[in-house]
Amino acid sequence: RPLTALLLTAAVALVPAAGVTQAAQN
């Protein structure tokens, strides 16, 4: 369970967060 969640999190961490303003990203 925690291993699967960790792998999922590691994968999505590389995906830019939708709806985040450019100012916030910077």
mmCIF file of all heavy atoms, coordinates in Angstrom:
data_MODEL
# 
_entry.id   MODEL 
# 
loop_
_atom_site.group_PDB 
_atom_site.id 
_atom_site.type_symbol 
_atom_site.label_atom_id 
_atom_site.label_alt_id 
_atom_site.label_comp_id 
_atom_site.label_asym_id 
_atom_site.label_entity_id 
_atom_site.label_seq_id 
_atom_site.pdbx_PDB_ins_code 
_atom_site.Cartn_x 
_atom_site.Cartn_y 
_atom_site.Cartn_z 
_atom_site.occupancy 
_atom_site.B_iso_or_equiv 
_atom_site.pdbx_formal_charge 
_atom_site.auth_seq_id 
_atom_site.auth_comp_id 
_atom_site.auth_asym_id 
_atom_site.auth_atom_id 
_atom_site.pdbx_PDB_model_num 
ATOM 1   N N   . ARG A 1 1  ? 0.811  -1.223 0.000   1.00 0.00 ? 1  ARG A N   1 
ATOM 2   C CA  . ARG A 1 1  ? 0.000  0.000  0.000   1.00 0.00 ? 1  ARG A CA  1 
ATOM 3   C C   . ARG A 1 1  ? 0.839  1.265  0.000   1.00 0.00 ? 1  ARG A C   1 
ATOM 4   O O   . ARG A 1 1  ? 0.726  2.091  -0.917  1.00 0.00 ? 1  ARG A O   1 
ATOM 5   C CB  . ARG A 1 1  ? -0.948 -0.013 1.200   1.00 0.00 ? 1  ARG A CB  1 
ATOM 6   C CG  . ARG A 1 1  ? -2.086 -0.992 1.062   1.00 0.00 ? 1  ARG A CG  1 
ATOM 7   C CD  . ARG A 1 1  ? -2.886 -0.992 2.354   1.00 0.00 ? 1  ARG A CD  1 
ATOM 8   N NE  . ARG A 1 1  ? -3.953 -1.969 2.285   1.00 0.00 ? 1  ARG A NE  1 
ATOM 9   C CZ  . ARG A 1 1  ? -4.552 -2.459 3.368   1.00 0.00 ? 1  ARG A CZ  1 
ATOM 10  N NH1 . ARG A 1 1  ? -4.158 -2.080 4.561   1.00 0.00 ? 1  ARG A NH1 1 
ATOM 11  N NH2 . ARG A 1 1  ? -5.532 -3.315 3.243   1.00 0.00 ? 1  ARG A NH2 1 
ATOM 12  N N   . PRO A 1 2  ? 1.685  1.487  1.029   1.00 0.00 ? 2  PRO A N   1 
ATOM 13  C CA  . PRO A 1 2  ? 2.477  2.718  1.011   1.00 0.00 ? 2  PRO A CA  1 
ATOM 14  C C   . PRO A 1 2  ? 3.455  2.775  -0.157  1.00 0.00 ? 2  PRO A C   1 
ATOM 15  O O   . PRO A 1 2  ? 3.735  3.855  -0.668  1.00 0.00 ? 2  PRO A O   1 
ATOM 16  C CB  . PRO A 1 2  ? 3.215  2.694  2.362   1.00 0.00 ? 2  PRO A CB  1 
ATOM 17  C CG  . PRO A 1 2  ? 3.165  1.285  2.816   1.00 0.00 ? 2  PRO A CG  1 
ATOM 18  C CD  . PRO A 1 2  ? 1.905  0.707  2.257   1.00 0.00 ? 2  PRO A CD  1 
ATOM 19  N N   . LEU A 1 3  ? 3.961  1.609  -0.589  1.00 0.00 ? 3  LEU A N   1 
ATOM 20  C CA  . LEU A 1 3  ? 4.886  1.604  -1.713  1.00 0.00 ? 3  LEU A CA  1 
ATOM 21  C C   . LEU A 1 3  ? 4.175  2.066  -2.986  1.00 0.00 ? 3  LEU A C   1 
ATOM 22  O O   . LEU A 1 3  ? 4.700  2.878  -3.741  1.00 0.00 ? 3  LEU A O   1 
ATOM 23  C CB  . LEU A 1 3  ? 5.463  0.207  -1.907  1.00 0.00 ? 3  LEU A CB  1 
ATOM 24  C CG  . LEU A 1 3  ? 6.394  0.031  -3.124  1.00 0.00 ? 3  LEU A CG  1 
ATOM 25  C CD1 . LEU A 1 3  ? 7.583  0.967  -3.003  1.00 0.00 ? 3  LEU A CD1 1 
ATOM 26  C CD2 . LEU A 1 3  ? 6.843  -1.416 -3.231  1.00 0.00 ? 3  LEU A CD2 1 
ATOM 27  N N   . THR A 1 4  ? 2.967  1.572  -3.216  1.00 0.00 ? 4  THR A N   1 
ATOM 28  C CA  . THR A 1 4  ? 2.211  1.977  -4.396  1.00 0.00 ? 4  THR A CA  1 
ATOM 29  C C   . THR A 1 4  ? 1.915  3.465  -4.356  1.00 0.00 ? 4  THR A C   1 
ATOM 30  O O   . THR A 1 4  ? 2.053  4.168  -5.361  1.00 0.00 ? 4  THR A O   1 
ATOM 31  C CB  . THR A 1 4  ? 0.901  1.186  -4.472  1.00 0.00 ? 4  THR A CB  1 
ATOM 32  O OG1 . THR A 1 4  ? 1.202  -0.207 -4.505  1.00 0.00 ? 4  THR A OG1 1 
ATOM 33  C CG2 . THR A 1 4  ? 0.106  1.555  -5.716  1.00 0.00 ? 4  THR A CG2 1 
ATOM 34  N N   . ALA A 1 5  ? 1.501  3.944  -3.202  1.00 0.00 ? 5  ALA A N   1 
ATOM 35  C CA  . ALA A 1 5  ? 1.210  5.374  -3.078  1.00 0.00 ? 5  ALA A CA  1 
ATOM 36  C C   . ALA A 1 5  ? 2.461  6.207  -3.329  1.00 0.00 ? 5  ALA A C   1 
ATOM 37  O O   . ALA A 1 5  ? 2.402  7.264  -3.970  1.00 0.00 ? 5  ALA A O   1 
ATOM 38  C CB  . ALA A 1 5  ? 0.647  5.671  -1.683  1.00 0.00 ? 5  ALA A CB  1 
ATOM 39  N N   . LEU A 1 6  ? 3.600  5.727  -2.820  1.00 0.00 ? 6  LEU A N   1 
ATOM 40  C CA  . LEU A 1 6  ? 4.845  6.466  -3.013  1.00 0.00 ? 6  LEU A CA  1 
ATOM 41  C C   . LEU A 1 6  ? 5.224  6.525  -4.486  1.00 0.00 ? 6  LEU A C   1 
ATOM 42  O O   . LEU A 1 6  ? 5.620  7.568  -5.002  1.00 0.00 ? 6  LEU A O   1 
ATOM 43  C CB  . LEU A 1 6  ? 5.964  5.813  -2.208  1.00 0.00 ? 6  LEU A CB  1 
ATOM 44  C CG  . LEU A 1 6  ? 7.345  6.464  -2.309  1.00 0.00 ? 6  LEU A CG  1 
ATOM 45  C CD1 . LEU A 1 6  ? 7.284  7.899  -1.821  1.00 0.00 ? 6  LEU A CD1 1 
ATOM 46  C CD2 . LEU A 1 6  ? 8.357  5.674  -1.497  1.00 0.00 ? 6  LEU A CD2 1 
ATOM 47  N N   . LEU A 1 7  ? 5.092  5.400  -5.202  1.00 0.00 ? 7  LEU A N   1 
ATOM 48  C CA  . LEU A 1 7  ? 5.429  5.371  -6.618  1.00 0.00 ? 7  LEU A CA  1 
ATOM 49  C C   . LEU A 1 7  ? 4.499  6.279  -7.414  1.00 0.00 ? 7  LEU A C   1 
ATOM 50  O O   . LEU A 1 7  ? 4.929  6.983  -8.331  1.00 0.00 ? 7  LEU A O   1 
ATOM 51  C CB  . LEU A 1 7  ? 5.341  3.933  -7.143  1.00 0.00 ? 7  LEU A CB  1 
ATOM 52  C CG  . LEU A 1 7  ? 6.410  2.965  -6.617  1.00 0.00 ? 7  LEU A CG  1 
ATOM 53  C CD1 . LEU A 1 7  ? 6.135  1.553  -7.096  1.00 0.00 ? 7  LEU A CD1 1 
ATOM 54  C CD2 . LEU A 1 7  ? 7.797  3.418  -7.034  1.00 0.00 ? 7  LEU A CD2 1 
ATOM 55  N N   . LEU A 1 8  ? 3.216  6.272  -7.054  1.00 0.00 ? 8  LEU A N   1 
ATOM 56  C CA  . LEU A 1 8  ? 2.270  7.152  -7.732  1.00 0.00 ? 8  LEU A CA  1 
ATOM 57  C C   . LEU A 1 8  ? 2.643  8.601  -7.508  1.00 0.00 ? 8  LEU A C   1 
ATOM 58  O O   . LEU A 1 8  ? 2.646  9.417  -8.428  1.00 0.00 ? 8  LEU A O   1 
ATOM 59  C CB  . LEU A 1 8  ? 0.850  6.889  -7.225  1.00 0.00 ? 8  LEU A CB  1 
ATOM 60  C CG  . LEU A 1 8  ? -0.255 7.788  -7.781  1.00 0.00 ? 8  LEU A CG  1 
ATOM 61  C CD1 . LEU A 1 8  ? -0.383 7.621  -9.283  1.00 0.00 ? 8  LEU A CD1 1 
ATOM 62  C CD2 . LEU A 1 8  ? -1.573 7.478  -7.088  1.00 0.00 ? 8  LEU A CD2 1 
ATOM 63  N N   . THR A 1 9  ? 2.990  8.922  -6.275  1.00 0.00 ? 9  THR A N   1 
ATOM 64  C CA  . THR A 1 9  ? 3.355  10.300 -5.961  1.00 0.00 ? 9  THR A CA  1 
ATOM 65  C C   . THR A 1 9  ? 4.613  10.718 -6.708  1.00 0.00 ? 9  THR A C   1 
ATOM 66  O O   . THR A 1 9  ? 4.709  11.828 -7.225  1.00 0.00 ? 9  THR A O   1 
ATOM 67  C CB  . THR A 1 9  ? 3.590  10.451 -4.449  1.00 0.00 ? 9  THR A CB  1 
ATOM 68  O OG1 . THR A 1 9  ? 2.398  10.065 -3.777  1.00 0.00 ? 9  THR A OG1 1 
ATOM 69  C CG2 . THR A 1 9  ? 3.902  11.896 -4.091  1.00 0.00 ? 9  THR A CG2 1 
ATOM 70  N N   . ALA A 1 10 ? 5.595  9.837  -6.770  1.00 0.00 ? 10 ALA A N   1 
ATOM 71  C CA  . ALA A 1 10 ? 6.828  10.164 -7.482  1.00 0.00 ? 10 ALA A CA  1 
ATOM 72  C C   . ALA A 1 10 ? 6.547  10.436 -8.947  1.00 0.00 ? 10 ALA A C   1 
ATOM 73  O O   . ALA A 1 10 ? 7.146  11.321 -9.554  1.00 0.00 ? 10 ALA A O   1 
ATOM 74  C CB  . ALA A 1 10 ? 7.831  9.024  -7.340  1.00 0.00 ? 10 ALA A CB  1 
ATOM 75  N N   . ALA A 1 11 ? 5.609  9.690  -9.515  1.00 0.00 ? 11 ALA A N   1 
ATOM 76  C CA  . ALA A 1 11 ? 5.286  9.879  -10.922 1.00 0.00 ? 11 ALA A CA  1 
ATOM 77  C C   . ALA A 1 11 ? 4.586  11.206 -11.151 1.00 0.00 ? 11 ALA A C   1 
ATOM 78  O O   . ALA A 1 11 ? 4.940  11.967 -12.054 1.00 0.00 ? 11 ALA A O   1 
ATOM 79  C CB  . ALA A 1 11 ? 4.408  8.730  -11.412 1.00 0.00 ? 11 ALA A CB  1 
ATOM 80  N N   . VAL A 1 12 ? 3.589  11.511 -10.308 1.00 0.00 ? 12 VAL A N   1 
ATOM 81  C CA  . VAL A 1 12 ? 2.816  12.721 -10.555 1.00 0.00 ? 12 VAL A CA  1 
ATOM 82  C C   . VAL A 1 12 ? 3.587  13.969 -10.147 1.00 0.00 ? 12 VAL A C   1 
ATOM 83  O O   . VAL A 1 12 ? 3.249  15.070 -10.565 1.00 0.00 ? 12 VAL A O   1 
ATOM 84  C CB  . VAL A 1 12 ? 1.462  12.671 -9.821  1.00 0.00 ? 12 VAL A CB  1 
ATOM 85  C CG1 . VAL A 1 12 ? 0.675  11.475 -10.264 1.00 0.00 ? 12 VAL A CG1 1 
ATOM 86  C CG2 . VAL A 1 12 ? 1.649  12.683 -8.301  1.00 0.00 ? 12 VAL A CG2 1 
ATOM 87  N N   . ALA A 1 13 ? 4.627  13.810 -9.354  1.00 0.00 ? 13 ALA A N   1 
ATOM 88  C CA  . ALA A 1 13 ? 5.414  14.980 -8.962  1.00 0.00 ? 13 ALA A CA  1 
ATOM 89  C C   . ALA A 1 13 ? 6.076  15.633 -10.164 1.00 0.00 ? 13 ALA A C   1 
ATOM 90  O O   . ALA A 1 13 ? 6.424  16.820 -10.134 1.00 0.00 ? 13 ALA A O   1 
ATOM 91  C CB  . ALA A 1 13 ? 6.475  14.595 -7.946  1.00 0.00 ? 13 ALA A CB  1 
ATOM 92  N N   . LEU A 1 14 ? 6.225  14.853 -11.226 1.00 0.00 ? 14 LEU A N   1 
ATOM 93  C CA  . LEU A 1 14 ? 6.857  15.390 -12.426 1.00 0.00 ? 14 LEU A CA  1 
ATOM 94  C C   . LEU A 1 14 ? 5.866  16.083 -13.338 1.00 0.00 ? 14 LEU A C   1 
ATOM 95  O O   . LEU A 1 14 ? 6.251  16.698 -14.326 1.00 0.00 ? 14 LEU A O   1 
ATOM 96  C CB  . LEU A 1 14 ? 7.529  14.243 -13.199 1.00 0.00 ? 14 LEU A CB  1 
ATOM 97  C CG  . LEU A 1 14 ? 8.599  13.473 -12.410 1.00 0.00 ? 14 LEU A CG  1 
ATOM 98  C CD1 . LEU A 1 14 ? 9.135  12.337 -13.269 1.00 0.00 ? 14 LEU A CD1 1 
ATOM 99  C CD2 . LEU A 1 14 ? 9.726  14.409 -11.988 1.00 0.00 ? 14 LEU A CD2 1 
ATOM 100 N N   . VAL A 1 15 ? 4.560  15.990 -12.996 1.00 0.00 ? 15 VAL A N   1 
ATOM 101 C CA  . VAL A 1 15 ? 3.529  16.599 -13.825 1.00 0.00 ? 15 VAL A CA  1 
ATOM 102 C C   . VAL A 1 15 ? 3.244  17.998 -13.319 1.00 0.00 ? 15 VAL A C   1 
ATOM 103 O O   . VAL A 1 15 ? 2.957  18.180 -12.130 1.00 0.00 ? 15 VAL A O   1 
ATOM 104 C CB  . VAL A 1 15 ? 2.238  15.761 -13.776 1.00 0.00 ? 15 VAL A CB  1 
ATOM 105 C CG1 . VAL A 1 15 ? 1.162  16.400 -14.638 1.00 0.00 ? 15 VAL A CG1 1 
ATOM 106 C CG2 . VAL A 1 15 ? 2.527  14.345 -14.239 1.00 0.00 ? 15 VAL A CG2 1 
ATOM 107 N N   . PRO A 1 16 ? 3.306  19.041 -14.139 1.00 0.00 ? 16 PRO A N   1 
ATOM 108 C CA  . PRO A 1 16 ? 3.013  20.395 -13.691 1.00 0.00 ? 16 PRO A CA  1 
ATOM 109 C C   . PRO A 1 16 ? 1.611  20.474 -13.142 1.00 0.00 ? 16 PRO A C   1 
ATOM 110 O O   . PRO A 1 16 ? 0.681  19.880 -13.681 1.00 0.00 ? 16 PRO A O   1 
ATOM 111 C CB  . PRO A 1 16 ? 3.160  21.241 -14.967 1.00 0.00 ? 16 PRO A CB  1 
ATOM 112 C CG  . PRO A 1 16 ? 4.030  20.423 -15.873 1.00 0.00 ? 16 PRO A CG  1 
ATOM 113 C CD  . PRO A 1 16 ? 3.706  18.993 -15.565 1.00 0.00 ? 16 PRO A CD  1 
ATOM 114 N N   . ALA A 1 17 ? 1.418  21.202 -12.042 1.00 0.00 ? 17 ALA A N   1 
ATOM 115 C CA  . ALA A 1 17 ? 0.100  21.347 -11.428 1.00 0.00 ? 17 ALA A CA  1 
ATOM 116 C C   . ALA A 1 17 ? -0.794 22.210 -12.297 1.00 0.00 ? 17 ALA A C   1 
ATOM 117 O O   . ALA A 1 17 ? -0.438 23.316 -12.662 1.00 0.00 ? 17 ALA A O   1 
ATOM 118 C CB  . ALA A 1 17 ? 0.238  21.971 -10.034 1.00 0.00 ? 17 ALA A CB  1 
ATOM 119 N N   . ALA A 1 18 ? -1.960 21.675 -12.621 1.00 0.00 ? 18 ALA A N   1 
ATOM 120 C CA  . ALA A 1 18 ? -2.893 22.419 -13.469 1.00 0.00 ? 18 ALA A CA  1 
ATOM 121 C C   . ALA A 1 18 ? -3.483 23.578 -12.689 1.00 0.00 ? 18 ALA A C   1 
ATOM 122 O O   . ALA A 1 18 ? -3.747 23.487 -11.499 1.00 0.00 ? 18 ALA A O   1 
ATOM 123 C CB  . ALA A 1 18 ? -4.008 21.484 -13.942 1.00 0.00 ? 18 ALA A CB  1 
ATOM 124 N N   . GLY A 1 19 ? -3.698 24.680 -13.390 1.00 0.00 ? 19 GLY A N   1 
ATOM 125 C CA  . GLY A 1 19 ? -4.351 25.823 -12.771 1.00 0.00 ? 19 GLY A CA  1 
ATOM 126 C C   . GLY A 1 19 ? -3.442 26.681 -11.933 1.00 0.00 ? 19 GLY A C   1 
ATOM 127 O O   . GLY A 1 19 ? -3.886 27.629 -11.294 1.00 0.00 ? 19 GLY A O   1 
ATOM 128 N N   . VAL A 1 20 ? -2.170 26.382 -11.883 1.00 0.00 ? 20 VAL A N   1 
ATOM 129 C CA  . VAL A 1 20 ? -1.244 27.186 -11.107 1.00 0.00 ? 20 VAL A CA  1 
ATOM 130 C C   . VAL A 1 20 ? -0.805 28.380 -11.934 1.00 0.00 ? 20 VAL A C   1 
ATOM 131 O O   . VAL A 1 20 ? -0.382 28.237 -13.072 1.00 0.00 ? 20 VAL A O   1 
ATOM 132 C CB  . VAL A 1 20 ? -0.015 26.342 -10.700 1.00 0.00 ? 20 VAL A CB  1 
ATOM 133 C CG1 . VAL A 1 20 ? 0.957  27.188 -9.905  1.00 0.00 ? 20 VAL A CG1 1 
ATOM 134 C CG2 . VAL A 1 20 ? -0.452 25.138 -9.901  1.00 0.00 ? 20 VAL A CG2 1 
ATOM 135 N N   . THR A 1 21 ? -0.880 29.547 -11.359 1.00 0.00 ? 21 THR A N   1 
ATOM 136 C CA  . THR A 1 21 ? -0.500 30.742 -12.107 1.00 0.00 ? 21 THR A CA  1 
ATOM 137 C C   . THR A 1 21 ? 1.004  30.787 -12.308 1.00 0.00 ? 21 THR A C   1 
ATOM 138 O O   . THR A 1 21 ? 1.781  30.223 -11.536 1.00 0.00 ? 21 THR A O   1 
ATOM 139 C CB  . THR A 1 21 ? -0.923 32.004 -11.338 1.00 0.00 ? 21 THR A CB  1 
ATOM 140 O OG1 . THR A 1 21 ? -0.178 32.065 -10.129 1.00 0.00 ? 21 THR A OG1 1 
ATOM 141 C CG2 . THR A 1 21 ? -2.402 31.999 -11.019 1.00 0.00 ? 21 THR A CG2 1 
ATOM 142 N N   . GLN A 1 22 ? 1.424  31.468 -13.380 1.00 0.00 ? 22 GLN A N   1 
ATOM 143 C CA  . GLN A 1 22 ? 2.852  31.575 -13.662 1.00 0.00 ? 22 GLN A CA  1 
ATOM 144 C C   . GLN A 1 22 ? 3.560  32.302 -12.537 1.00 0.00 ? 22 GLN A C   1 
ATOM 145 O O   . GLN A 1 22 ? 4.681  31.956 -12.160 1.00 0.00 ? 22 GLN A O   1 
ATOM 146 C CB  . GLN A 1 22 ? 3.064  32.324 -14.982 1.00 0.00 ? 22 GLN A CB  1 
ATOM 147 C CG  . GLN A 1 22 ? 4.511  32.300 -15.453 1.00 0.00 ? 22 GLN A CG  1 
ATOM 148 C CD  . GLN A 1 22 ? 4.971  30.880 -15.760 1.00 0.00 ? 22 GLN A CD  1 
ATOM 149 O OE1 . GLN A 1 22 ? 4.241  30.096 -16.342 1.00 0.00 ? 22 GLN A OE1 1 
ATOM 150 N NE2 . GLN A 1 22 ? 6.180  30.548 -15.339 1.00 0.00 ? 22 GLN A NE2 1 
ATOM 151 N N   . ALA A 1 23 ? 2.887  33.276 -11.956 1.00 0.00 ? 23 ALA A N   1 
ATOM 152 C CA  . ALA A 1 23 ? 3.503  34.012 -10.843 1.00 0.00 ? 23 ALA A CA  1 
ATOM 153 C C   . ALA A 1 23 ? 3.773  33.090 -9.677  1.00 0.00 ? 23 ALA A C   1 
ATOM 154 O O   . ALA A 1 23 ? 4.823  33.157 -9.032  1.00 0.00 ? 23 ALA A O   1 
ATOM 155 C CB  . ALA A 1 23 ? 2.599  35.161 -10.411 1.00 0.00 ? 23 ALA A CB  1 
ATOM 156 N N   . ALA A 1 24 ? 2.812  32.202 -9.395  1.00 0.00 ? 24 ALA A N   1 
ATOM 157 C CA  . ALA A 1 24 ? 3.007  31.281 -8.284  1.00 0.00 ? 24 ALA A CA  1 
ATOM 158 C C   . ALA A 1 24 ? 4.114  30.287 -8.598  1.00 0.00 ? 24 ALA A C   1 
ATOM 159 O O   . ALA A 1 24 ? 4.898  29.912 -7.724  1.00 0.00 ? 24 ALA A O   1 
ATOM 160 C CB  . ALA A 1 24 ? 1.701  30.539 -7.982  1.00 0.00 ? 24 ALA A CB  1 
ATOM 161 N N   . GLN A 1 25 ? 4.189  29.850 -9.862  1.00 0.00 ? 25 GLN A N   1 
ATOM 162 C CA  . GLN A 1 25 ? 5.240  28.911 -10.237 1.00 0.00 ? 25 GLN A CA  1 
ATOM 163 C C   . GLN A 1 25 ? 6.616  29.539 -10.056 1.00 0.00 ? 25 GLN A C   1 
ATOM 164 O O   . GLN A 1 25 ? 7.583  28.863 -9.735  1.00 0.00 ? 25 GLN A O   1 
ATOM 165 C CB  . GLN A 1 25 ? 5.046  28.488 -11.697 1.00 0.00 ? 25 GLN A CB  1 
ATOM 166 C CG  . GLN A 1 25 ? 3.872  27.533 -11.904 1.00 0.00 ? 25 GLN A CG  1 
ATOM 167 C CD  . GLN A 1 25 ? 3.678  27.214 -13.367 1.00 0.00 ? 25 GLN A CD  1 
ATOM 168 O OE1 . GLN A 1 25 ? 3.947  28.031 -14.235 1.00 0.00 ? 25 GLN A OE1 1 
ATOM 169 N NE2 . GLN A 1 25 ? 3.185  26.024 -13.651 1.00 0.00 ? 25 GLN A NE2 1 
ATOM 170 N N   . ASN A 1 26 ? 6.714  30.827 -10.254 1.00 0.00 ? 26 ASN A N   1 
ATOM 171 C CA  . ASN A 1 26 ? 8.002  31.502 -10.142 1.00 0.00 ? 26 ASN A CA  1 
ATOM 172 C C   . ASN A 1 26 ? 8.317  31.941 -8.716  1.00 0.00 ? 26 ASN A C   1 
ATOM 173 O O   . ASN A 1 26 ? 9.378  32.478 -8.443  1.00 0.00 ? 26 ASN A O   1 
ATOM 174 C CB  . ASN A 1 26 ? 8.020  32.733 -11.062 1.00 0.00 ? 26 ASN A CB  1 
ATOM 175 C CG  . ASN A 1 26 ? 7.996  32.341 -12.528 1.00 0.00 ? 26 ASN A CG  1 
ATOM 176 O OD1 . ASN A 1 26 ? 8.401  31.242 -12.877 1.00 0.00 ? 26 ASN A OD1 1 
ATOM 177 N ND2 . ASN A 1 26 ? 7.517  33.235 -13.379 1.00 0.00 ? 26 ASN A ND2 1 
# 
